[in-house]
C-alpha atoms as a PDB file:
ATOM      1  CA  MET A   1     149.756  47.273  13.168  1.00  0.00           C
ATOM      2  CA  ASN A   2     151.553  44.297  14.585  1.00  0.00           C
ATOM      3  CA  ASP A   3     151.385  40.501  14.788  1.00  0.00           C
ATOM      4  CA  ARG A   4     148.625  40.778  17.467  1.00  0.00           C
ATOM      5  CA  LEU A   5     146.273  42.268  15.036  1.00  0.00           C
ATOM      6  CA  PRO A   6     142.902  42.769  16.741  1.00  0.00           C
ATOM      7  CA  ARG A   7     140.048  40.968  14.914  1.00  0.00           C
ATOM      8  CA  ALA A   8     138.265  44.210  14.633  1.00  0.00           C
ATOM      9  CA  GLN A   9     141.103  45.514  12.365  1.00  0.00           C
ATOM     10  CA  VAL A  10     141.192  42.414  10.102  1.00  0.00           C
ATOM     11  CA  PRO A  11     138.938  43.959   7.344  1.00  0.00           C
ATOM     12  CA  ALA A  12     141.055  47.116   7.141  1.00  0.00           C
ATOM     13  CA  ALA A  13     144.118  44.856   7.001  1.00  0.00           C
ATOM     14  CA  PHE A  14     142.627  43.082   4.071  1.00  0.00           C
ATOM     15  CA  ASP A  15     141.980  46.510   2.412  1.00  0.00           C
ATOM     16  CA  VAL A  16     145.674  47.092   2.668  1.00  0.00           C
ATOM     17  CA  GLY A  17     146.574  43.788   1.006  1.00  0.00           C
ATOM     18  CA  ALA A  18     143.678  43.552  -1.449  1.00  0.00           C
ATOM     19  CA  ALA A  19     145.534  44.630  -4.588  1.00  0.00           C
ATOM     20  CA  ALA A  20     148.337  41.987  -4.110  1.00  0.00           C
ATOM     21  CA  TYR A  21     146.125  39.272  -2.709  1.00  0.00           C
ATOM     22  CA  ASP A  22     145.237  37.382  -5.867  1.00  0.00           C
ATOM     23  CA  ARG A  23     149.014  37.288  -6.881  1.00  0.00           C
ATOM     24  CA  LEU A  24     149.945  35.995  -3.458  1.00  0.00           C
ATOM     25  CA  VAL A  25     147.427  33.162  -3.202  1.00  0.00           C
ATOM     26  CA  GLY A  26     148.092  32.407  -6.901  1.00  0.00           C
ATOM     27  CA  ALA A  27     151.607  31.421  -5.864  1.00  0.00           C
ATOM     28  CA  ASN A  28     150.152  28.876  -3.484  1.00  0.00           C
ATOM     29  CA  PRO A  29     149.976  25.496  -5.317  1.00  0.00           C
ATOM     30  CA  GLY A  30     146.474  24.174  -5.055  1.00  0.00           C
ATOM     31  CA  TYR A  31     144.819  27.293  -3.574  1.00  0.00           C
ATOM     32  CA  HIS A  32     142.128  27.530  -6.224  1.00  0.00           C
ATOM     33  CA  ASP A  33     141.848  23.768  -6.822  1.00  0.00           C
ATOM     34  CA  HIS A  34     141.154  23.192  -3.072  1.00  0.00           C
ATOM     35  CA  LEU A  35     138.547  25.810  -2.972  1.00  0.00           C
ATOM     36  CA  ARG A  36     136.916  24.115  -5.835  1.00  0.00           C
ATOM     37  CA  LEU A  37     137.277  20.735  -4.102  1.00  0.00           C
ATOM     38  CA  SER A  38     135.506  22.056  -0.979  1.00  0.00           C
ATOM     39  CA  ALA A  39     132.692  23.506  -3.260  1.00  0.00           C
ATOM     40  CA  GLU A  40     132.352  20.080  -4.915  1.00  0.00           C
ATOM     41  CA  ARG A  41     132.057  18.358  -1.426  1.00  0.00           C
ATOM     42  CA  MET A  42     128.942  20.641  -0.913  1.00  0.00           C
ATOM     43  CA  ASN A  43     127.151  18.243  -3.339  1.00  0.00           C
ATOM     44  CA  VAL A  44     124.922  21.008  -4.821  1.00  0.00           C
ATOM     45  CA  PRO A  45     122.325  19.204  -6.993  1.00  0.00           C
ATOM     46  CA  ASP A  46     121.629  19.889 -10.644  1.00  0.00           C
ATOM     47  CA  GLY A  47     124.198  22.621 -10.993  1.00  0.00           C
ATOM     48  CA  GLY A  48     122.356  24.709  -8.410  1.00  0.00           C
ATOM     49  CA  ARG A  49     119.278  25.251 -10.628  1.00  0.00           C
ATOM     50  CA  GLY A  50     116.602  27.054  -8.672  1.00  0.00           C
ATOM     51  CA  LEU A  51     118.824  27.417  -5.545  1.00  0.00           C
ATOM     52  CA  ARG A  52     120.112  30.326  -3.707  1.00  0.00           C
ATOM     53  CA  LEU A  53     123.500  30.128  -2.088  1.00  0.00           C
ATOM     54  CA  LEU A  54     125.601  32.418   0.280  1.00  0.00           C
ATOM     55  CA  ASP A  55     129.265  32.865  -0.113  1.00  0.00           C
ATOM     56  CA  ALA A  56     130.171  34.039   3.303  1.00  0.00           C
ATOM     57  CA  GLY A  57     133.540  35.980   3.344  1.00  0.00           C
ATOM     58  CA  CYS A  58     134.033  36.033  -0.455  1.00  0.00           C
ATOM     59  CA  GLY A  59     137.341  38.105  -0.453  1.00  0.00           C
ATOM     60  CA  THR A  60     138.352  38.819  -3.936  1.00  0.00           C
ATOM     61  CA  GLY A  61     135.953  36.255  -5.394  1.00  0.00           C
ATOM     62  CA  ALA A  62     138.166  33.060  -5.378  1.00  0.00           C
ATOM     63  CA  SER A  63     135.561  31.246  -3.348  1.00  0.00           C
ATOM     64  CA  THR A  64     132.754  32.678  -5.416  1.00  0.00           C
ATOM     65  CA  ALA A  65     134.350  31.327  -8.549  1.00  0.00           C
ATOM     66  CA  ALA A  66     134.723  27.791  -6.998  1.00  0.00           C
ATOM     67  CA  LEU A  67     131.019  28.013  -5.974  1.00  0.00           C
ATOM     68  CA  LEU A  68     129.970  29.146  -9.387  1.00  0.00           C
ATOM     69  CA  ALA A  69     131.823  26.304 -10.987  1.00  0.00           C
ATOM     70  CA  VAL A  70     129.923  23.675  -9.231  1.00  0.00           C
ATOM     71  CA  ALA A  71     126.635  25.591  -9.195  1.00  0.00           C
ATOM     72  CA  PRO A  72     126.546  27.710 -12.438  1.00  0.00           C
ATOM     73  CA  HIS A  73     122.673  27.894 -12.309  1.00  0.00           C
ATOM     74  CA  ALA A  74     122.304  29.091  -8.775  1.00  0.00           C
ATOM     75  CA  GLU A  75     121.724  32.570  -7.417  1.00  0.00           C
ATOM     76  CA  ILE A  76     124.899  33.399  -5.447  1.00  0.00           C
ATOM     77  CA  VAL A  77     124.997  36.245  -2.878  1.00  0.00           C
ATOM     78  CA  ALA A  78     128.674  36.901  -2.039  1.00  0.00           C
ATOM     79  CA  VAL A  79     129.365  38.908   1.082  1.00  0.00           C
ATOM     80  CA  ASP A  80     132.700  40.395   2.570  1.00  0.00           C
ATOM     81  CA  ALA A  81     133.542  42.971   5.213  1.00  0.00           C
ATOM     82  CA  SER A  82     136.587  44.391   3.373  1.00  0.00           C
ATOM     83  CA  ALA A  83     135.755  46.948   0.741  1.00  0.00           C
ATOM     84  CA  GLY A  84     139.098  46.607  -0.858  1.00  0.00           C
ATOM     85  CA  MET A  85     138.798  42.912  -1.324  1.00  0.00           C
ATOM     86  CA  LEU A  86     135.213  43.241  -2.525  1.00  0.00           C
ATOM     87  CA  ALA A  87     136.389  45.927  -5.161  1.00  0.00           C
ATOM     88  CA  GLU A  88     138.805  43.335  -6.486  1.00  0.00           C
ATOM     89  CA  ALA A  89     136.191  40.729  -6.724  1.00  0.00           C
ATOM     90  CA  GLU A  90     133.548  43.139  -8.404  1.00  0.00           C
ATOM     91  CA  ALA A  91     136.126  44.132 -10.995  1.00  0.00           C
ATOM     92  CA  LYS A  92     136.044  40.620 -12.453  1.00  0.00           C
ATOM     93  CA  GLN A  93     133.497  39.315 -15.079  1.00  0.00           C
ATOM     94  CA  TRP A  94     130.495  37.540 -13.369  1.00  0.00           C
ATOM     95  CA  PRO A  95     127.125  36.462 -14.605  1.00  0.00           C
ATOM     96  CA  ASP A  96     123.987  38.267 -13.488  1.00  0.00           C
ATOM     97  CA  SER A  97     123.240  35.497 -11.045  1.00  0.00           C
ATOM     98  CA  VAL A  98     126.097  36.628  -8.782  1.00  0.00           C
ATOM     99  CA  ARG A  99     125.618  39.619  -6.449  1.00  0.00           C
ATOM    100  CA  PHE A 100     128.251  41.153  -4.166  1.00  0.00           C
ATOM    101  CA  VAL A 101     127.359  42.766  -0.860  1.00  0.00           C
ATOM    102  CA  HIS A 102     129.764  44.868   1.307  1.00  0.00           C
ATOM    103  CA  SER A 103     128.934  43.942   5.026  1.00  0.00           C
ATOM    104  CA  LYS A 104     130.440  42.175   7.977  1.00  0.00           C
ATOM    105  CA  ILE A 105     128.955  38.810   7.975  1.00  0.00           C
ATOM    106  CA  GLU A 106     127.423  39.508  11.408  1.00  0.00           C
ATOM    107  CA  ASP A 107     125.490  42.434  10.015  1.00  0.00           C
ATOM    108  CA  ILE A 108     124.149  41.069   6.598  1.00  0.00           C
ATOM    109  CA  ALA A 109     120.568  41.443   7.664  1.00  0.00           C
ATOM    110  CA  ASP A 110     121.128  45.273   8.016  1.00  0.00           C
ATOM    111  CA  ALA A 111     122.584  45.113   4.422  1.00  0.00           C
ATOM    112  CA  GLY A 112     119.415  43.439   3.043  1.00  0.00           C
ATOM    113  CA  VAL A 113     120.669  39.993   2.955  1.00  0.00           C
ATOM    114  CA  THR A 114     118.187  37.543   4.506  1.00  0.00           C
ATOM    115  CA  GLY A 115     117.424  33.739   4.145  1.00  0.00           C
ATOM    116  CA  PRO A 116     116.446  31.279   3.530  1.00  0.00           C
ATOM    117  CA  PHE A 117     119.393  29.881   1.670  1.00  0.00           C
ATOM    118  CA  ASP A 118     119.811  26.436   0.083  1.00  0.00           C
ATOM    119  CA  GLY A 119     123.498  26.291   0.968  1.00  0.00           C
ATOM    120  CA  ILE A 120     126.336  28.428   2.626  1.00  0.00           C
ATOM    121  CA  PHE A 121     129.965  28.235   1.671  1.00  0.00           C
ATOM    122  CA  ALA A 122     132.321  29.923   4.111  1.00  0.00           C
ATOM    123  CA  ALA A 123     135.988  29.880   3.144  1.00  0.00           C
ATOM    124  CA  TYR A 124     138.617  31.278   5.646  1.00  0.00           C
ATOM    125  CA  LEU A 125     136.011  33.130   7.570  1.00  0.00           C
ATOM    126  CA  LEU A 126     135.097  31.779  10.978  1.00  0.00           C
ATOM    127  CA  ARG A 127     138.634  31.827  12.425  1.00  0.00           C
ATOM    128  CA  ASN A 128     138.482  35.601  11.911  1.00  0.00           C
ATOM    129  CA  LEU A 129     135.297  36.258  13.936  1.00  0.00           C
ATOM    130  CA  ASP A 130     135.007  37.353  17.514  1.00  0.00           C
ATOM    131  CA  ASP A 131     132.045  34.943  18.150  1.00  0.00           C
ATOM    132  CA  PRO A 132     132.187  31.937  15.736  1.00  0.00           C
ATOM    133  CA  ASP A 133     129.468  30.143  17.778  1.00  0.00           C
ATOM    134  CA  ALA A 134     126.915  32.937  17.371  1.00  0.00           C
ATOM    135  CA  GLN A 135     127.679  33.079  13.655  1.00  0.00           C
ATOM    136  CA  LEU A 136     127.211  29.337  13.294  1.00  0.00           C
ATOM    137  CA  ARG A 137     123.861  29.681  14.988  1.00  0.00           C
ATOM    138  CA  THR A 138     122.945  32.380  12.549  1.00  0.00           C
ATOM    139  CA  PHE A 139     124.026  30.264   9.600  1.00  0.00           C
ATOM    140  CA  ALA A 140     121.792  27.484  10.963  1.00  0.00           C
ATOM    141  CA  ARG A 141     118.779  29.921  10.965  1.00  0.00           C
ATOM    142  CA  LEU A 142     119.617  31.277   7.534  1.00  0.00           C
ATOM    143  CA  LEU A 143     119.646  27.841   5.998  1.00  0.00           C
ATOM    144  CA  ARG A 144     116.534  25.884   4.871  1.00  0.00           C
ATOM    145  CA  PRO A 145     116.055  22.746   7.087  1.00  0.00           C
ATOM    146  CA  GLY A 146     118.486  20.197   5.868  1.00  0.00           C
ATOM    147  CA  ALA A 147     120.551  22.481   3.752  1.00  0.00           C
ATOM    148  CA  PRO A 148     124.287  22.252   3.668  1.00  0.00           C
ATOM    149  CA  LEU A 149     126.964  24.459   5.316  1.00  0.00           C
ATOM    150  CA  THR A 150     130.472  23.904   3.830  1.00  0.00           C
ATOM    151  CA  VAL A 151     133.420  25.567   5.748  1.00  0.00           C
ATOM    152  CA  HIS A 152     136.896  25.638   4.082  1.00  0.00           C
ATOM    153  CA  GLU A 153     139.309  26.409   6.684  1.00  0.00           C
ATOM    154  CA  TYR A 154     142.825  25.990   8.095  1.00  0.00           C
ATOM    155  CA  SER A 155     142.971  23.777  11.082  1.00  0.00           C
ATOM    156  CA  VAL A 156     146.427  22.326  12.327  1.00  0.00           C
ATOM    157  CA  ARG A 157     146.054  21.706  15.904  1.00  0.00           C
ATOM    158  CA  ASP A 158     145.298  17.941  15.777  1.00  0.00           C
ATOM    159  CA  SER A 159     148.484  17.311  13.746  1.00  0.00           C
ATOM    160  CA  PRO A 160     151.911  18.090  15.005  1.00  0.00           C
ATOM    161  CA  VAL A 161     153.304  17.568  11.543  1.00  0.00           C
ATOM    162  CA  ALA A 162     150.743  20.020   9.952  1.00  0.00           C
ATOM    163  CA  THR A 163     151.544  22.603  12.670  1.00  0.00           C
ATOM    164  CA  VAL A 164     155.321  22.383  11.885  1.00  0.00           C
ATOM    165  CA  VAL A 165     154.628  22.584   8.126  1.00  0.00           C
ATOM    166  CA  TRP A 166     152.212  25.584   8.479  1.00  0.00           C
ATOM    167  CA  ASN A 167     154.599  27.568  10.594  1.00  0.00           C
ATOM    168  CA  ILE A 168     157.637  26.936   8.368  1.00  0.00           C
ATOM    169  CA  VAL A 169     155.689  27.943   5.242  1.00  0.00           C
ATOM    170  CA  CYS A 170     154.525  31.076   7.051  1.00  0.00           C
ATOM    171  CA  TRP A 171     157.944  32.199   8.164  1.00  0.00           C
ATOM    172  CA  THR A 172     159.835  31.338   4.875  1.00  0.00           C
ATOM    173  CA  VAL A 173     157.203  32.073   2.221  1.00  0.00           C
ATOM    174  CA  ILE A 174     153.838  33.689   3.176  1.00  0.00           C
ATOM    175  CA  ILE A 175     155.076  36.406   5.626  1.00  0.00           C
ATOM    176  CA  PRO A 176     158.207  37.498   3.494  1.00  0.00           C
ATOM    177  CA  ALA A 177     156.116  37.575   0.328  1.00  0.00           C
ATOM    178  CA  GLY A 178     153.387  39.581   1.988  1.00  0.00           C
ATOM    179  CA  ARG A 179     155.880  42.093   3.181  1.00  0.00           C
ATOM    180  CA  ILE A 180     157.474  42.367  -0.271  1.00  0.00           C
ATOM    181  CA  ARG A 181     154.082  42.743  -2.107  1.00  0.00           C
ATOM    182  CA  THR A 182     152.411  45.142   0.372  1.00  0.00           C
ATOM    183  CA  GLY A 183     155.087  46.599   2.497  1.00  0.00           C
ATOM    184  CA  ASP A 184     153.189  45.461   5.630  1.00  0.00           C
ATOM    185  CA  ALA A 185     153.333  41.944   6.983  1.00  0.00           C
ATOM    186  CA  SER A 186     150.740  42.521   9.643  1.00  0.00           C
ATOM    187  CA  LEU A 187     148.059  40.635   7.848  1.00  0.00           C
ATOM    188  CA  TYR A 188     150.252  37.640   7.251  1.00  0.00           C
ATOM    189  CA  THR A 189     151.672  37.420  10.805  1.00  0.00           C
ATOM    190  CA  TYR A 190     148.155  37.555  11.983  1.00  0.00           C
ATOM    191  CA  LEU A 191     147.283  34.734   9.568  1.00  0.00           C
ATOM    192  CA  ARG A 192     149.885  32.465  11.087  1.00  0.00           C
ATOM    193  CA  ARG A 193     148.828  33.201  14.636  1.00  0.00           C
ATOM    194  CA  SER A 194     145.133  32.846  13.891  1.00  0.00           C
ATOM    195  CA  VAL A 195     145.541  29.430  12.318  1.00  0.00           C
ATOM    196  CA  ASN A 196     147.638  28.192  15.277  1.00  0.00           C
ATOM    197  CA  ARG A 197     144.938  29.369  17.695  1.00  0.00           C
ATOM    198  CA  PHE A 198     141.998  27.967  15.704  1.00  0.00           C
ATOM    199  CA  ASP A 199     140.102  24.778  16.552  1.00  0.00           C
ATOM    200  CA  GLY A 200     141.512  21.406  15.578  1.00  0.00           C
ATOM    201  CA  ALA A 201     139.407  19.490  13.216  1.00  0.00           C
ATOM    202  CA  THR A 202     137.800  17.361  16.005  1.00  0.00           C
ATOM    203  CA  ALA A 203     137.031  20.526  18.050  1.00  0.00           C
ATOM    204  CA  PHE A 204     135.450  22.282  15.079  1.00  0.00           C
ATOM    205  CA  ARG A 205     133.268  19.230  14.151  1.00  0.00           C
ATOM    206  CA  ASP A 206     132.033  19.342  17.797  1.00  0.00           C
ATOM    207  CA  ARG A 207     131.472  23.141  17.570  1.00  0.00           C
ATOM    208  CA  LEU A 208     129.263  22.558  14.561  1.00  0.00           C
ATOM    209  CA  ARG A 209     127.270  20.089  16.356  1.00  0.00           C
ATOM    210  CA  ARG A 210     126.827  22.241  19.386  1.00  0.00           C
ATOM    211  CA  ASN A 211     125.481  25.010  17.157  1.00  0.00           C
ATOM    212  CA  GLY A 212     122.701  23.228  15.447  1.00  0.00           C
ATOM    213  CA  PHE A 213     124.161  21.147  12.746  1.00  0.00           C
ATOM    214  CA  THR A 214     123.844  17.496  11.975  1.00  0.00           C
ATOM    215  CA  ASP A 215     125.610  15.160   9.575  1.00  0.00           C
ATOM    216  CA  VAL A 216     128.885  16.773  10.463  1.00  0.00           C
ATOM    217  CA  SER A 217     132.144  15.439   8.844  1.00  0.00           C
ATOM    218  CA  SER A 218     135.381  16.640   7.455  1.00  0.00           C
ATOM    219  CA  ASP A 219     138.096  15.817   4.949  1.00  0.00           C
ATOM    220  CA  THR A 220     141.443  17.373   4.181  1.00  0.00           C
ATOM    221  CA  MET A 221     143.340  18.430   1.093  1.00  0.00           C
ATOM    222  CA  PRO A 222     145.931  16.745  -1.026  1.00  0.00           C
ATOM    223  CA  GLY A 223     149.416  17.931  -1.265  1.00  0.00           C
ATOM    224  CA  TRP A 224     151.354  20.131   1.170  1.00  0.00           C
ATOM    225  CA  GLN A 225     148.050  21.344   2.719  1.00  0.00           C
ATOM    226  CA  ARG A 226     147.123  17.871   3.909  1.00  0.00           C
ATOM    227  CA  ASN A 227     145.902  18.240   7.498  1.00  0.00           C
ATOM    228  CA  VAL A 228     146.441  21.978   7.186  1.00  0.00           C
ATOM    229  CA  VAL A 229     143.290  22.916   5.248  1.00  0.00           C
ATOM    230  CA  HIS A 230     140.050  21.003   5.559  1.00  0.00           C
ATOM    231  CA  THR A 231     136.569  20.943   4.238  1.00  0.00           C
ATOM    232  CA  PHE A 232     133.992  20.719   6.970  1.00  0.00           C
ATOM    233  CA  THR A 233     130.391  19.771   5.905  1.00  0.00           C
ATOM    234  CA  ALA A 234     127.287  19.689   7.900  1.00  0.00           C
ATOM    235  CA  ARG A 235     123.522  20.277   7.423  1.00  0.00           C
ATOM    236  CA  ALA A 236     121.037  22.559   9.238  1.00  0.00           C
ATOM    237  CA  ALA A 237     118.783  20.491  11.432  1.00  0.00           C
ATOM    238  CA  ALA A 238     115.804  19.245   9.653  1.00  0.00           C
ATOM    239  CA  ALA A 239     112.329  20.725  10.640  1.00  0.00           C
ATOM    240  CA  PRO A 240     110.559  18.626  13.246  1.00  0.00           C
END
């Protein structure tokens, strides 16, 4: 693999990096706190009591843990395309209310995951899909009318400073650390390129609106990831 990793090969690349993934992201100041902040911005009522939530692209379970922290009483269905990442997630301790499913997010209906959901949390997912518009439209159909979608994602194109910071951190920290931990830097060079190519925050808010969402807004993170990582919040259109 090389730094032009095709999106179809991304799940396999995550399989390679799965065993080291938690240690790598754990070295990122704020990684787990920022996921928790995005989950809090979802504004799940009453700790999620009686609600059914989808964690789309759960990876090793960091986003699932963030969602569980703010919605401890919800049923959470956590889905990921990488068998290696999902195995790392399933090896952790979870309440019975959390269920993990191995599937590409585009194919979850074939894996027996159907709506409606009372909320969807998607962390570091849409940037890796061939057709994010189609997936957003699917998310809109999976949600109950008026239910929230929260997207936790890198987006640097609107900020020259954030773009420079992102690329410096990648070349000096993320890519070398990934190579040392896994022996293969493909996933991490892909990560750098995919973030540089992805929508700016304004463009992604517009994308959400075009694909059936209302009440669209975004906010960024504190610390070094200011204007690098964002929480995008939106709601499925209410029933007429």
